[in-house]
Protein backbone atom coordinates (compact mmCIF):
# COMPACT_ATOMS: atom_id res chain seq x y z
CA UNK A 1 142.11 84.10 59.42
CA UNK A 2 140.28 83.79 62.70
CA UNK A 3 141.53 87.28 63.58
CA UNK A 4 139.50 89.39 60.47
CA UNK A 5 135.81 90.78 61.15
CA UNK A 6 136.08 90.80 57.50
CA UNK A 7 133.44 88.35 54.96
CA UNK A 8 135.41 85.21 53.71
CA UNK A 9 134.48 82.39 51.25
CA UNK A 10 136.48 79.59 51.15
CA UNK A 11 136.10 77.95 47.81
CA UNK A 12 137.36 74.06 48.39
CA UNK A 13 138.69 71.93 45.70
CA UNK A 14 137.27 67.65 46.21
CA UNK A 15 140.08 66.40 44.64
CA UNK A 16 142.85 68.11 46.80
CA UNK A 17 145.28 66.01 47.33
CA UNK A 18 146.54 67.50 50.69
CA UNK A 19 143.22 68.99 51.76
CA UNK A 20 140.31 67.30 52.41
CA UNK A 21 137.03 69.45 52.10
CA UNK A 22 136.07 68.11 55.75
CA UNK A 23 139.01 70.61 56.67
CA UNK A 24 137.12 73.31 54.94
CA UNK A 25 133.83 72.49 56.63
CA UNK A 26 135.19 72.43 60.19
CA UNK A 27 136.95 76.40 59.32
CA UNK A 28 133.05 77.29 57.87
CA UNK A 29 131.82 75.99 61.55
CA UNK A 30 133.98 77.21 63.34
CA UNK A 31 134.94 80.41 62.17
CA UNK A 32 132.14 83.08 61.70
CA UNK A 33 133.72 85.03 59.70
CA UNK A 34 133.55 82.46 57.22
CA UNK A 35 129.98 83.42 55.61
CA UNK A 36 130.22 80.59 52.92
CA UNK A 37 131.52 77.49 51.81
CA UNK A 38 131.89 76.55 48.38
CA UNK A 39 133.01 73.07 47.29
CA UNK A 40 134.21 72.45 43.12
CA UNK A 41 133.72 68.98 42.50
CA UNK A 42 137.01 67.89 40.17
CA UNK A 43 138.70 70.38 40.72
CA UNK A 44 141.99 70.19 43.20
CA UNK A 45 144.58 72.51 45.62
CA UNK A 46 144.82 75.61 43.25
CA UNK A 47 141.50 76.44 41.77
CA UNK A 48 141.64 80.06 40.82
CA UNK A 49 144.30 77.82 38.38
CA UNK A 50 142.37 74.58 37.48
CA UNK A 51 139.06 75.83 37.07
CA UNK A 52 139.12 79.74 36.50
CA UNK A 53 136.03 79.60 34.57
CA UNK A 54 134.45 78.58 38.45
CA UNK A 55 135.94 80.51 40.43
CA UNK A 56 135.71 83.63 38.54
CA UNK A 57 131.83 83.83 38.54
CA UNK A 58 131.92 83.25 42.33
CA UNK A 59 134.70 85.11 43.52
CA UNK A 60 132.01 88.05 41.17
CA UNK A 61 129.48 87.38 43.37
CA UNK A 62 130.81 87.36 46.40
CA UNK A 63 132.47 90.60 45.82
CA UNK A 64 129.31 92.47 45.04
CA UNK A 65 127.53 91.15 47.85
CA UNK A 66 130.27 91.78 50.75
CA UNK A 67 133.17 94.27 49.07
CA UNK A 68 133.50 97.99 49.83
CA UNK A 69 131.50 100.52 48.36
CA UNK A 70 134.22 102.41 47.95
CA UNK A 71 138.17 101.70 47.80
CA UNK A 72 140.67 102.58 50.87
CA UNK A 73 142.70 105.84 49.73
CA UNK A 74 145.40 105.20 47.95
CA UNK A 75 148.78 104.35 50.09
CA UNK A 76 147.02 103.49 52.94
CA UNK A 77 147.52 99.87 54.59
CA UNK A 78 144.54 97.06 54.56
CA UNK A 79 143.35 94.26 56.72
CA UNK A 80 146.04 92.22 56.17
CA UNK A 81 149.18 94.53 55.69
CA UNK A 82 148.33 95.25 51.82
CA UNK A 83 148.31 98.17 50.86
CA UNK A 84 145.76 100.16 48.25
């Protein structure tokens, strides 16, 4: 994640049994690409599975604010190696 130049949103479950939210705070403070850090009360390690009603609106808002204005052409590799 340190090499990315794309904006990153960290969504962190406060009840994560493996990674304390303080780790997310450290990433937010140390990585310039992390533009927001959101903690989710009562949510564990997999917020997208445990609380989609909280996560989905956050993702929609983030994509609206930071998403690409135009999709990459088909077959063009995008950051992370995935194909668009």
